[in-house]
Amino acid sequence: METLVEPAITHLAVRRSGDGLLSETPFDIRKVDEHITEVLFGRKGPLRPHEIHAVTERAVRLIERDLRSLDLALTPEERRGRPDILGAIPDFVITDQIGAVLHEGQGRRYRMAELLYVMAVKGRTDYRSGWADAWDVIQWIRERHERIRMPRQQAGLSTPEVVFVRQTSWRPEKVLKRRTRNLEAPFDTQQFRQSINAALHGREDAGRKATLVVNHVLSQLEGQRIVHSAQLASGVLTALRGVDDVAYLRWATIEKRISSVRPFAEEAADLIYARSPHLDWQSPPR
């Protein structure tokens, strides 16, 4: 393997930790911006677009400053197969720097943005080892926010029951959207699923879990020609609590408008000491 001398960041691919795969295209700051926007839930999240862009630009500047000290080398096979790049930057270098820039931000909004981002990165379990459940989230909070007193443990852990979910083809005709003064719009199954996918970003078996949540929520609303977006959001909150701790906490942060670390820590503790029923298929979908 060759050692490269500080190529431009736009001449580098991104090397995925866990399996070592390279990104299909060279580094693109726009994709970094889109990545941060996605995991912070866009307009629903704690930061505005111009603030996210400022985080992206500062993180990239810091990465460029440190390129000389990084191992960017390609294998001979990679060099032959990827003539469009001169090296590869490890993805954790990018995510660590974004997390550090968010940590520098002032105020509660940046604290919550950091929490959401860290959950998306450290909670990634689709191709590498990451946070398994709420215990891991609480441990990070303890290390990062030493002044926050963690919620008291309740007596005994509850043993959750299993609720079986059936597959349903039923869909409501329309949805009333609360963010647009109850504007009536056609129900969009793909859009509904995409919002759930955002919470499950990077989680192991995310596709199966999203399908499970969609079917559980819609089966509870079956027969209602018009549903309210608040019904859908509440249904997803309940379902995710029985499917995936990390995804639930990400969704709850937005839907419950959790604005500081302390109530977030209480929410995480409740996941441990007041478990919800675990959701599973009544019979696997065909």
C-alpha atoms as a PDB file:
ATOM      1  CA  MET A   1       0.000   0.000   0.000  1.00  0.00           C
ATOM      2  CA  GLU A   2       1.262   3.483  -0.891  1.00  0.00           C
ATOM      3  CA  THR A   3       1.322   6.482   1.383  1.00  0.00           C
ATOM      4  CA  LEU A   4      -0.244   9.503  -0.272  1.00  0.00           C
ATOM      5  CA  VAL A   5       0.703  13.142   0.249  1.00  0.00           C
ATOM      6  CA  GLU A   6      -2.299  15.246   1.149  1.00  0.00           C
ATOM      7  CA  PRO A   7      -4.604  15.046  -1.892  1.00  0.00           C
ATOM      8  CA  ALA A   8      -7.642  17.344  -2.093  1.00  0.00           C
ATOM      9  CA  ILE A   9     -10.564  15.986  -0.111  1.00  0.00           C
ATOM     10  CA  THR A  10     -12.680  15.924  -3.280  1.00  0.00           C
ATOM     11  CA  HIS A  11     -10.234  13.361  -4.729  1.00  0.00           C
ATOM     12  CA  LEU A  12     -10.929  10.938  -1.885  1.00  0.00           C
ATOM     13  CA  ALA A  13     -13.566   8.286  -1.426  1.00  0.00           C
ATOM     14  CA  VAL A  14     -15.038   7.508   2.001  1.00  0.00           C
ATOM     15  CA  ARG A  15     -14.077   4.164   3.535  1.00  0.00           C
ATOM     16  CA  ARG A  16     -16.873   2.577   5.528  1.00  0.00           C
ATOM     17  CA  SER A  17     -15.860   1.268   8.932  1.00  0.00           C
ATOM     18  CA  GLY A  18     -16.883  -2.280   9.696  1.00  0.00           C
ATOM     19  CA  ASP A  19     -16.567  -3.743   6.205  1.00  0.00           C
ATOM     20  CA  GLY A  20     -14.032  -1.359   4.624  1.00  0.00           C
ATOM     21  CA  LEU A  21     -16.106  -0.705   1.506  1.00  0.00           C
ATOM     22  CA  LEU A  22     -15.501   2.495  -0.468  1.00  0.00           C
ATOM     23  CA  SER A  23     -18.166   5.036  -1.375  1.00  0.00           C
ATOM     24  CA  GLU A  24     -19.225   4.845  -5.015  1.00  0.00           C
ATOM     25  CA  THR A  25     -18.369   8.503  -5.636  1.00  0.00           C
ATOM     26  CA  PRO A  26     -15.655  10.871  -4.320  1.00  0.00           C
ATOM     27  CA  PHE A  27     -16.219  12.972  -1.203  1.00  0.00           C
ATOM     28  CA  ASP A  28     -18.955  15.557  -1.733  1.00  0.00           C
ATOM     29  CA  ILE A  29     -19.716  18.243   0.861  1.00  0.00           C
ATOM     30  CA  ARG A  30     -23.333  18.329  -0.319  1.00  0.00           C
ATOM     31  CA  LYS A  31     -23.763  14.703   0.685  1.00  0.00           C
ATOM     32  CA  VAL A  32     -22.364  15.473   4.131  1.00  0.00           C
ATOM     33  CA  ASP A  33     -24.891  18.283   4.452  1.00  0.00           C
ATOM     34  CA  GLU A  34     -27.699  15.945   3.352  1.00  0.00           C
ATOM     35  CA  HIS A  35     -26.489  13.285   5.799  1.00  0.00           C
ATOM     36  CA  ILE A  36     -26.601  15.663   8.771  1.00  0.00           C
ATOM     37  CA  THR A  37     -29.989  17.035   7.706  1.00  0.00           C
ATOM     38  CA  GLU A  38     -31.423  13.528   7.452  1.00  0.00           C
ATOM     39  CA  VAL A  39     -30.278  12.286  10.851  1.00  0.00           C
ATOM     40  CA  LEU A  40     -31.395  15.538  12.517  1.00  0.00           C
ATOM     41  CA  PHE A  41     -34.890  15.135  11.002  1.00  0.00           C
ATOM     42  CA  GLY A  42     -34.685  18.157   8.704  1.00  0.00           C
ATOM     43  CA  ARG A  43     -37.194  20.911   9.437  1.00  0.00           C
ATOM     44  CA  LYS A  44     -38.533  19.023  12.462  1.00  0.00           C
ATOM     45  CA  GLY A  45     -35.087  18.847  14.055  1.00  0.00           C
ATOM     46  CA  PRO A  46     -33.317  21.217  16.454  1.00  0.00           C
ATOM     47  CA  LEU A  47     -31.153  23.066  13.908  1.00  0.00           C
ATOM     48  CA  ARG A  48     -32.060  25.298  10.976  1.00  0.00           C
ATOM     49  CA  PRO A  49     -30.685  24.637   7.466  1.00  0.00           C
ATOM     50  CA  HIS A  50     -28.135  27.468   7.671  1.00  0.00           C
ATOM     51  CA  GLU A  51     -26.897  26.142  11.027  1.00  0.00           C
ATOM     52  CA  ILE A  52     -26.494  22.635   9.623  1.00  0.00           C
ATOM     53  CA  HIS A  53     -24.595  24.044   6.662  1.00  0.00           C
ATOM     54  CA  ALA A  54     -22.288  25.968   9.024  1.00  0.00           C
ATOM     55  CA  VAL A  55     -21.615  22.729  10.963  1.00  0.00           C
ATOM     56  CA  THR A  56     -20.832  20.933   7.687  1.00  0.00           C
ATOM     57  CA  GLU A  57     -18.426  23.612   6.479  1.00  0.00           C
ATOM     58  CA  ARG A  58     -16.531  23.804   9.784  1.00  0.00           C
ATOM     59  CA  ALA A  59     -16.262  20.001  10.054  1.00  0.00           C
ATOM     60  CA  VAL A  60     -14.906  19.744   6.493  1.00  0.00           C
ATOM     61  CA  ARG A  61     -12.365  22.523   7.122  1.00  0.00           C
ATOM     62  CA  LEU A  62     -11.095  20.683  10.208  1.00  0.00           C
ATOM     63  CA  ILE A  63     -10.878  17.408   8.308  1.00  0.00           C
ATOM     64  CA  GLU A  64      -8.917  19.083   5.501  1.00  0.00           C
ATOM     65  CA  ARG A  65      -6.552  20.546   8.097  1.00  0.00           C
ATOM     66  CA  ASP A  66      -5.773  17.063   9.415  1.00  0.00           C
ATOM     67  CA  LEU A  67      -5.558  15.166   6.121  1.00  0.00           C
ATOM     68  CA  ARG A  68      -1.778  14.933   6.278  1.00  0.00           C
ATOM     69  CA  SER A  69      -1.950  12.879   9.486  1.00  0.00           C
ATOM     70  CA  LEU A  70      -4.529  10.375   8.195  1.00  0.00           C
ATOM     71  CA  ASP A  71      -4.031   6.993   6.589  1.00  0.00           C
ATOM     72  CA  LEU A  72      -5.699   7.499   3.204  1.00  0.00           C
ATOM     73  CA  ALA A  73      -3.978   4.699   1.304  1.00  0.00           C
ATOM     74  CA  LEU A  74      -5.728   2.415  -1.158  1.00  0.00           C
ATOM     75  CA  THR A  75      -4.947  -1.227  -1.797  1.00  0.00           C
ATOM     76  CA  PRO A  76      -3.517  -2.105  -5.240  1.00  0.00           C
ATOM     77  CA  GLU A  77      -6.887  -3.610  -6.193  1.00  0.00           C
ATOM     78  CA  GLU A  78      -8.712  -0.429  -5.183  1.00  0.00           C
ATOM     79  CA  ARG A  79      -6.321   1.746  -7.181  1.00  0.00           C
ATOM     80  CA  ARG A  80      -6.872  -0.342 -10.279  1.00  0.00           C
ATOM     81  CA  GLY A  81     -10.632  -0.388  -9.847  1.00  0.00           C
ATOM     82  CA  ARG A  82     -11.087   3.258  -8.839  1.00  0.00           C
ATOM     83  CA  PRO A  83      -9.039   5.562 -11.084  1.00  0.00           C
ATOM     84  CA  ASP A  84     -11.327   8.450 -10.056  1.00  0.00           C
ATOM     85  CA  ILE A  85      -9.858   8.695  -6.538  1.00  0.00           C
ATOM     86  CA  LEU A  86      -6.426   9.155  -4.965  1.00  0.00           C
ATOM     87  CA  GLY A  87      -7.211   7.776  -1.528  1.00  0.00           C
ATOM     88  CA  ALA A  88      -9.948   7.075   1.005  1.00  0.00           C
ATOM     89  CA  ILE A  89     -10.859   8.854   4.209  1.00  0.00           C
ATOM     90  CA  PRO A  90     -12.284   6.703   7.051  1.00  0.00           C
ATOM     91  CA  ASP A  91     -15.942   7.490   7.697  1.00  0.00           C
ATOM     92  CA  PHE A  92     -15.377   7.754  11.450  1.00  0.00           C
ATOM     93  CA  VAL A  93     -13.063  10.728  10.829  1.00  0.00           C
ATOM     94  CA  ILE A  94     -15.995  12.559   9.270  1.00  0.00           C
ATOM     95  CA  THR A  95     -18.594  11.557  11.854  1.00  0.00           C
ATOM     96  CA  ASP A  96     -16.264  12.235  14.792  1.00  0.00           C
ATOM     97  CA  GLN A  97     -15.530  15.721  13.492  1.00  0.00           C
ATOM     98  CA  ILE A  98     -19.207  16.491  12.930  1.00  0.00           C
ATOM     99  CA  GLY A  99     -19.959  15.336  16.469  1.00  0.00           C
ATOM    100  CA  ALA A 100     -17.156  17.523  17.818  1.00  0.00           C
ATOM    101  CA  VAL A 101     -18.453  20.596  15.966  1.00  0.00           C
ATOM    102  CA  LEU A 102     -21.978  19.991  17.258  1.00  0.00           C
ATOM    103  CA  HIS A 103     -20.541  19.664  20.774  1.00  0.00           C
ATOM    104  CA  GLU A 104     -18.939  23.103  20.365  1.00  0.00           C
ATOM    105  CA  GLY A 105     -22.323  24.658  19.620  1.00  0.00           C
ATOM    106  CA  GLN A 106     -23.930  26.756  22.314  1.00  0.00           C
ATOM    107  CA  GLY A 107     -27.324  26.115  23.890  1.00  0.00           C
ATOM    108  CA  ARG A 108     -29.859  23.329  24.257  1.00  0.00           C
ATOM    109  CA  ARG A 109     -30.588  23.025  20.546  1.00  0.00           C
ATOM    110  CA  TYR A 110     -26.995  22.018  19.840  1.00  0.00           C
ATOM    111  CA  ARG A 111     -26.986  19.604  22.797  1.00  0.00           C
ATOM    112  CA  MET A 112     -30.030  17.867  21.342  1.00  0.00           C
ATOM    113  CA  ALA A 113     -28.561  17.977  17.841  1.00  0.00           C
ATOM    114  CA  GLU A 114     -25.441  16.273  19.174  1.00  0.00           C
ATOM    115  CA  LEU A 115     -27.569  13.619  20.891  1.00  0.00           C
ATOM    116  CA  LEU A 116     -29.556  12.891  17.737  1.00  0.00           C
ATOM    117  CA  TYR A 117     -26.407  12.734  15.646  1.00  0.00           C
ATOM    118  CA  VAL A 118     -24.522  10.499  18.060  1.00  0.00           C
ATOM    119  CA  MET A 119     -27.498   8.123  18.231  1.00  0.00           C
ATOM    120  CA  ALA A 120     -27.474   7.878  14.444  1.00  0.00           C
ATOM    121  CA  VAL A 121     -23.728   7.182  14.318  1.00  0.00           C
ATOM    122  CA  LYS A 122     -23.040   5.112  17.425  1.00  0.00           C
ATOM    123  CA  GLY A 123     -26.452   3.494  17.096  1.00  0.00           C
ATOM    124  CA  ARG A 124     -25.573   2.143  13.670  1.00  0.00           C
ATOM    125  CA  THR A 125     -25.768  -1.648  13.736  1.00  0.00           C
ATOM    126  CA  ASP A 126     -26.506  -2.563  10.111  1.00  0.00           C
ATOM    127  CA  TYR A 127     -22.898  -3.266   9.131  1.00  0.00           C
ATOM    128  CA  ARG A 128     -20.915  -2.757  12.335  1.00  0.00           C
ATOM    129  CA  SER A 129     -21.200  -3.090  16.090  1.00  0.00           C
ATOM    130  CA  GLY A 130     -23.019  -0.168  17.710  1.00  0.00           C
ATOM    131  CA  TRP A 131     -25.347   0.760  20.534  1.00  0.00           C
ATOM    132  CA  ALA A 132     -27.746  -2.076  21.260  1.00  0.00           C
ATOM    133  CA  ASP A 133     -30.355  -0.389  23.438  1.00  0.00           C
ATOM    134  CA  ALA A 134     -31.180   2.338  25.960  1.00  0.00           C
ATOM    135  CA  TRP A 135     -28.462   1.126  28.366  1.00  0.00           C
ATOM    136  CA  ASP A 136     -25.789   2.211  25.878  1.00  0.00           C
ATOM    137  CA  VAL A 137     -27.457   5.594  25.376  1.00  0.00           C
ATOM    138  CA  ILE A 138     -27.558   6.249  29.120  1.00  0.00           C
ATOM    139  CA  GLN A 139     -23.908   5.267  29.498  1.00  0.00           C
ATOM    140  CA  TRP A 140     -22.927   7.859  26.861  1.00  0.00           C
ATOM    141  CA  ILE A 141     -24.980  10.546  28.627  1.00  0.00           C
ATOM    142  CA  ARG A 142     -23.249   9.715  31.917  1.00  0.00           C
ATOM    143  CA  GLU A 143     -19.829  10.127  30.311  1.00  0.00           C
ATOM    144  CA  ARG A 144     -20.663  13.226  28.267  1.00  0.00           C
ATOM    145  CA  HIS A 145     -22.821  15.109  30.758  1.00  0.00           C
ATOM    146  CA  GLU A 146     -21.377  14.408  34.182  1.00  0.00           C
ATOM    147  CA  ARG A 147     -23.401  17.152  35.879  1.00  0.00           C
ATOM    148  CA  ILE A 148     -26.715  15.600  34.941  1.00  0.00           C
ATOM    149  CA  ARG A 149     -28.111  13.426  37.695  1.00  0.00           C
ATOM    150  CA  MET A 150     -29.448  10.263  36.130  1.00  0.00           C
ATOM    151  CA  PRO A 151     -33.025   9.209  36.987  1.00  0.00           C
ATOM    152  CA  ARG A 152     -33.397   6.899  39.957  1.00  0.00           C
ATOM    153  CA  GLN A 153     -33.818   3.249  39.139  1.00  0.00           C
ATOM    154  CA  GLN A 154     -37.297   1.984  39.777  1.00  0.00           C
ATOM    155  CA  ALA A 155     -37.757  -1.200  41.742  1.00  0.00           C
ATOM    156  CA  GLY A 156     -37.370  -4.176  39.461  1.00  0.00           C
ATOM    157  CA  LEU A 157     -37.329  -4.502  35.686  1.00  0.00           C
ATOM    158  CA  SER A 158     -40.649  -5.218  34.024  1.00  0.00           C
ATOM    159  CA  THR A 159     -40.818  -8.194  31.698  1.00  0.00           C
ATOM    160  CA  PRO A 160     -42.502  -7.093  28.476  1.00  0.00           C
ATOM    161  CA  GLU A 161     -45.157  -9.201  26.841  1.00  0.00           C
ATOM    162  CA  VAL A 162     -45.238  -9.872  23.108  1.00  0.00           C
ATOM    163  CA  VAL A 163     -47.860  -8.264  20.887  1.00  0.00           C
ATOM    164  CA  PHE A 164     -48.276  -9.946  17.526  1.00  0.00           C
ATOM    165  CA  VAL A 165     -48.813  -7.759  14.468  1.00  0.00           C
ATOM    166  CA  ARG A 166     -50.792  -8.807  11.428  1.00  0.00           C
ATOM    167  CA  GLN A 167     -50.062  -7.645   7.922  1.00  0.00           C
ATOM    168  CA  THR A 168     -52.687  -5.304   6.508  1.00  0.00           C
ATOM    169  CA  SER A 169     -53.253  -3.919   3.030  1.00  0.00           C
ATOM    170  CA  TRP A 170     -55.681  -1.276   4.319  1.00  0.00           C
ATOM    171  CA  ARG A 171     -54.736   2.363   3.899  1.00  0.00           C
ATOM    172  CA  PRO A 172     -56.597   5.543   4.880  1.00  0.00           C
ATOM    173  CA  GLU A 173     -57.672   7.765   2.022  1.00  0.00           C
ATOM    174  CA  LYS A 174     -56.542  11.068   3.469  1.00  0.00           C
ATOM    175  CA  VAL A 175     -54.525  12.582   6.298  1.00  0.00           C
ATOM    176  CA  LEU A 176     -54.999  15.882   8.117  1.00  0.00           C
ATOM    177  CA  LYS A 177     -51.592  17.479   8.601  1.00  0.00           C
ATOM    178  CA  ARG A 178     -51.209  19.371  11.864  1.00  0.00           C
ATOM    179  CA  ARG A 179     -48.188  21.379  10.700  1.00  0.00           C
ATOM    180  CA  THR A 180     -50.233  22.927   7.882  1.00  0.00           C
ATOM    181  CA  ARG A 181     -53.342  23.863   9.894  1.00  0.00           C
ATOM    182  CA  ASN A 182     -55.056  20.533   9.304  1.00  0.00           C
ATOM    183  CA  LEU A 183     -54.624  20.656   5.532  1.00  0.00           C
ATOM    184  CA  GLU A 184     -56.216  17.561   4.031  1.00  0.00           C
ATOM    185  CA  ALA A 185     -53.941  15.559   1.731  1.00  0.00           C
ATOM    186  CA  PRO A 186     -53.927  12.073   0.193  1.00  0.00           C
ATOM    187  CA  PHE A 187     -52.303   9.496   2.447  1.00  0.00           C
ATOM    188  CA  ASP A 188     -48.843   8.643   1.092  1.00  0.00           C
ATOM    189  CA  THR A 189     -47.638   5.236   2.253  1.00  0.00           C
ATOM    190  CA  GLN A 190     -44.108   5.791   0.941  1.00  0.00           C
ATOM    191  CA  GLN A 191     -43.780   9.127   2.748  1.00  0.00           C
ATOM    192  CA  PHE A 192     -45.083   7.545   5.950  1.00  0.00           C
ATOM    193  CA  ARG A 193     -42.559   4.738   5.707  1.00  0.00           C
ATOM    194  CA  GLN A 194     -39.705   7.148   4.926  1.00  0.00           C
ATOM    195  CA  SER A 195     -40.378   9.069   8.132  1.00  0.00           C
ATOM    196  CA  ILE A 196     -40.126   5.801  10.082  1.00  0.00           C
ATOM    197  CA  ASN A 197     -36.958   4.878   8.192  1.00  0.00           C
ATOM    198  CA  ALA A 198     -35.408   8.144   9.405  1.00  0.00           C
ATOM    199  CA  ALA A 199     -35.816   7.015  13.016  1.00  0.00           C
ATOM    200  CA  LEU A 200     -34.442   3.555  12.160  1.00  0.00           C
ATOM    201  CA  HIS A 201     -31.467   4.989  10.269  1.00  0.00           C
ATOM    202  CA  GLY A 202     -28.584   2.523  10.420  1.00  0.00           C
ATOM    203  CA  ARG A 203     -30.313   0.069  12.746  1.00  0.00           C
ATOM    204  CA  GLU A 204     -29.955  -3.644  12.152  1.00  0.00           C
ATOM    205  CA  ASP A 205     -32.864  -5.142  10.187  1.00  0.00           C
ATOM    206  CA  ALA A 206     -34.312  -1.644   9.714  1.00  0.00           C
ATOM    207  CA  GLY A 207     -36.452  -2.650   6.732  1.00  0.00           C
ATOM    208  CA  ARG A 208     -38.218  -5.426   8.629  1.00  0.00           C
ATOM    209  CA  LYS A 209     -38.736  -3.172  11.642  1.00  0.00           C
ATOM    210  CA  ALA A 210     -40.174  -0.362   9.499  1.00  0.00           C
ATOM    211  CA  THR A 211     -42.632  -2.761   7.862  1.00  0.00           C
ATOM    212  CA  LEU A 212     -43.629  -4.026  11.290  1.00  0.00           C
ATOM    213  CA  VAL A 213     -44.273  -0.495  12.553  1.00  0.00           C
ATOM    214  CA  VAL A 214     -46.255   0.525   9.447  1.00  0.00           C
ATOM    215  CA  ASN A 215     -48.540  -2.494   9.743  1.00  0.00           C
ATOM    216  CA  HIS A 216     -49.020  -2.100  13.491  1.00  0.00           C
ATOM    217  CA  VAL A 217     -49.958   1.577  13.236  1.00  0.00           C
ATOM    218  CA  LEU A 218     -52.319   1.159  10.294  1.00  0.00           C
ATOM    219  CA  SER A 219     -54.003  -1.901  11.759  1.00  0.00           C
ATOM    220  CA  GLN A 220     -54.858   0.194  14.829  1.00  0.00           C
ATOM    221  CA  LEU A 221     -56.487   2.856  12.628  1.00  0.00           C
ATOM    222  CA  GLU A 222     -58.197   0.532  10.182  1.00  0.00           C
ATOM    223  CA  GLY A 223     -61.643   1.719   9.094  1.00  0.00           C
ATOM    224  CA  GLN A 224     -60.936   5.453   9.452  1.00  0.00           C
ATOM    225  CA  ARG A 225     -61.190   7.037   6.024  1.00  0.00           C
ATOM    226  CA  ILE A 226     -59.450  10.202   7.237  1.00  0.00           C
ATOM    227  CA  VAL A 227     -56.705  10.096   9.886  1.00  0.00           C
ATOM    228  CA  HIS A 228     -54.819  12.887  11.616  1.00  0.00           C
ATOM    229  CA  SER A 229     -51.035  13.107  11.374  1.00  0.00           C
ATOM    230  CA  ALA A 230     -50.979  13.216  15.178  1.00  0.00           C
ATOM    231  CA  GLN A 231     -52.576   9.769  15.246  1.00  0.00           C
ATOM    232  CA  LEU A 232     -49.875   8.436  12.954  1.00  0.00           C
ATOM    233  CA  ALA A 233     -47.047  10.051  14.926  1.00  0.00           C
ATOM    234  CA  SER A 234     -48.403   8.742  18.236  1.00  0.00           C
ATOM    235  CA  GLY A 235     -48.877   5.276  16.758  1.00  0.00           C
ATOM    236  CA  VAL A 236     -45.301   5.199  15.507  1.00  0.00           C
ATOM    237  CA  LEU A 237     -44.072   6.314  18.928  1.00  0.00           C
ATOM    238  CA  THR A 238     -45.891   3.435  20.611  1.00  0.00           C
ATOM    239  CA  ALA A 239     -44.754   0.898  18.019  1.00  0.00           C
ATOM    240  CA  LEU A 240     -41.086   1.910  18.021  1.00  0.00           C
ATOM    241  CA  ARG A 241     -41.014   1.591  21.798  1.00  0.00           C
ATOM    242  CA  GLY A 242     -41.668  -2.108  21.333  1.00  0.00           C
ATOM    243  CA  VAL A 243     -39.300  -2.527  18.399  1.00  0.00           C
ATOM    244  CA  ASP A 244     -36.051  -0.557  18.830  1.00  0.00           C
ATOM    245  CA  ASP A 245     -34.848   1.583  21.771  1.00  0.00           C
ATOM    246  CA  VAL A 246     -32.554   3.860  19.782  1.00  0.00           C
ATOM    247  CA  ALA A 247     -35.101   4.480  17.014  1.00  0.00           C
ATOM    248  CA  TYR A 248     -37.743   5.205  19.643  1.00  0.00           C
ATOM    249  CA  LEU A 249     -35.543   7.764  21.394  1.00  0.00           C
ATOM    250  CA  ARG A 250     -34.784   9.519  18.116  1.00  0.00           C
ATOM    251  CA  TRP A 251     -38.489   9.682  17.212  1.00  0.00           C
ATOM    252  CA  ALA A 252     -39.528  10.683  20.748  1.00  0.00           C
ATOM    253  CA  THR A 253     -37.023  13.547  20.777  1.00  0.00           C
ATOM    254  CA  ILE A 254     -38.853  15.140  17.848  1.00  0.00           C
ATOM    255  CA  GLU A 255     -42.465  14.173  18.514  1.00  0.00           C
ATOM    256  CA  LYS A 256     -42.358  14.916  22.267  1.00  0.00           C
ATOM    257  CA  ARG A 257     -40.295  18.028  21.591  1.00  0.00           C
ATOM    258  CA  ILE A 258     -37.644  17.043  24.088  1.00  0.00           C
ATOM    259  CA  SER A 259     -35.451  20.120  24.247  1.00  0.00           C
ATOM    260  CA  SER A 260     -32.747  19.286  26.796  1.00  0.00           C
ATOM    261  CA  VAL A 261     -30.620  16.363  27.926  1.00  0.00           C
ATOM    262  CA  ARG A 262     -32.243  15.831  31.338  1.00  0.00           C
ATOM    263  CA  PRO A 263     -35.757  14.920  30.099  1.00  0.00           C
ATOM    264  CA  PHE A 264     -34.127  12.882  27.361  1.00  0.00           C
ATOM    265  CA  ALA A 265     -32.237  10.880  29.989  1.00  0.00           C
ATOM    266  CA  GLU A 266     -35.509  10.296  31.840  1.00  0.00           C
ATOM    267  CA  GLU A 267     -37.091   9.026  28.624  1.00  0.00           C
ATOM    268  CA  ALA A 268     -34.188   6.622  28.117  1.00  0.00           C
ATOM    269  CA  ALA A 269     -34.432   5.379  31.711  1.00  0.00           C
ATOM    270  CA  ASP A 270     -38.156   4.735  31.301  1.00  0.00           C
ATOM    271  CA  LEU A 271     -37.337   2.448  28.374  1.00  0.00           C
ATOM    272  CA  ILE A 272     -35.350   0.261  30.740  1.00  0.00           C
ATOM    273  CA  TYR A 273     -37.531   0.248  33.824  1.00  0.00           C
ATOM    274  CA  ALA A 274     -40.979   0.412  32.194  1.00  0.00           C
ATOM    275  CA  ARG A 275     -40.729  -1.752  29.127  1.00  0.00           C
ATOM    276  CA  SER A 276     -43.414  -1.715  26.447  1.00  0.00           C
ATOM    277  CA  PRO A 277     -44.792  -4.870  24.819  1.00  0.00           C
ATOM    278  CA  HIS A 278     -42.423  -6.286  22.224  1.00  0.00           C
ATOM    279  CA  LEU A 279     -43.850  -6.307  18.695  1.00  0.00           C
ATOM    280  CA  ASP A 280     -43.462  -9.276  16.390  1.00  0.00           C
ATOM    281  CA  TRP A 281     -45.232 -10.756  13.391  1.00  0.00           C
ATOM    282  CA  GLN A 282     -48.288 -12.899  13.940  1.00  0.00           C
ATOM    283  CA  SER A 283     -47.114 -14.630  10.776  1.00  0.00           C
ATOM    284  CA  PRO A 284     -44.209 -13.419   8.612  1.00  0.00           C
ATOM    285  CA  PRO A 285     -45.310 -11.216   5.667  1.00  0.00           C
ATOM    286  CA  ARG A 286     -45.208 -12.867   2.257  1.00  0.00           C
END
